[in-house]
């Protein structure tokens, strides 16, 4: 059985390049899976955070990195 790495709010925010408040907002709204500790602190699965950044094929320009925001509207 492989264990999933969990990280804190600060590290999650650092990876994605957003504020801690944004990470907390996404978690509280249900857009980002998290673990709530008895102390009230949040922990996130590192794989979920890294999945927010994914390569996307952009036509003839080749592969580029774009944000796959949890609250992104389809078709935009």
Protein backbone atom coordinates (compact mmCIF):
# COMPACT_ATOMS: atom_id res chain seq x y z
CA UNK A 1 0.00 0.00 0.00
CA UNK A 2 1.44 3.34 -1.05
CA UNK A 3 0.96 6.28 1.31
CA UNK A 4 0.01 9.68 -0.07
CA UNK A 5 2.12 12.63 0.99
CA UNK A 6 0.20 15.39 2.73
CA UNK A 7 1.34 19.00 2.97
CA UNK A 8 0.27 22.11 4.82
CA UNK A 9 -1.51 25.18 3.53
CA UNK A 10 1.68 27.21 3.12
CA UNK A 11 3.44 24.58 1.01
CA UNK A 12 0.30 24.05 -1.10
CA UNK A 13 0.07 27.79 -1.75
CA UNK A 14 3.77 27.93 -2.65
CA UNK A 15 3.45 25.11 -5.21
CA UNK A 16 0.44 26.66 -6.95
CA UNK A 17 1.61 30.25 -6.62
CA UNK A 18 -1.44 31.60 -4.79
CA UNK A 19 -2.03 32.86 -1.25
CA UNK A 20 -2.79 30.66 1.74
CA UNK A 21 -6.21 32.29 1.91
CA UNK A 22 -6.94 31.17 -1.65
CA UNK A 23 -6.01 27.57 -0.81
CA UNK A 24 -8.25 27.71 2.28
CA UNK A 25 -11.11 29.19 0.23
CA UNK A 26 -10.84 26.42 -2.37
CA UNK A 27 -10.84 23.80 0.40
CA UNK A 28 -13.81 25.28 2.27
CA UNK A 29 -15.83 25.56 -0.94
CA UNK A 30 -15.20 21.89 -1.74
CA UNK A 31 -13.05 22.59 -4.79
CA UNK A 32 -9.93 21.12 -3.20
CA UNK A 33 -9.82 17.89 -1.22
CA UNK A 34 -8.34 18.33 2.24
CA UNK A 35 -7.98 16.82 5.70
CA UNK A 36 -9.07 18.92 8.66
CA UNK A 37 -7.02 18.21 11.77
CA UNK A 38 -8.53 18.46 15.28
CA UNK A 39 -6.43 21.62 15.73
CA UNK A 40 -8.29 23.23 12.81
CA UNK A 41 -5.29 23.09 10.49
CA UNK A 42 -5.73 21.80 6.95
CA UNK A 43 -3.61 19.26 5.13
CA UNK A 44 -3.69 18.58 1.40
CA UNK A 45 -2.67 15.65 -0.74
CA UNK A 46 0.45 16.74 -2.58
CA UNK A 47 -0.68 14.90 -5.73
CA UNK A 48 -3.92 16.93 -5.78
CA UNK A 49 -1.99 20.19 -5.50
CA UNK A 50 0.48 19.22 -8.22
CA UNK A 51 -2.44 18.17 -10.45
CA UNK A 52 -3.53 21.82 -10.52
CA UNK A 53 -0.54 22.40 -12.80
CA UNK A 54 -0.73 20.29 -15.91
CA UNK A 55 0.69 20.46 -19.43
CA UNK A 56 -1.80 21.23 -22.17
CA UNK A 57 -1.25 21.04 -25.93
CA UNK A 58 -1.75 24.52 -27.41
CA UNK A 59 -2.01 23.88 -31.17
CA UNK A 60 1.10 24.67 -33.19
CA UNK A 61 2.82 26.48 -30.32
CA UNK A 62 3.70 23.16 -28.66
CA UNK A 63 3.34 22.15 -25.07
CA UNK A 64 2.89 24.93 -22.50
CA UNK A 65 2.10 24.99 -18.81
CA UNK A 66 -1.23 26.50 -17.86
CA UNK A 67 -3.14 26.70 -14.62
CA UNK A 68 -5.97 24.26 -14.24
CA UNK A 69 -7.83 26.34 -11.65
CA UNK A 70 -10.38 24.44 -9.56
CA UNK A 71 -12.99 27.17 -10.14
CA UNK A 72 -12.31 27.59 -13.88
CA UNK A 73 -15.45 27.71 -16.00
CA UNK A 74 -15.62 25.24 -18.89
CA UNK A 75 -15.33 26.75 -22.33
CA UNK A 76 -13.26 29.76 -21.28
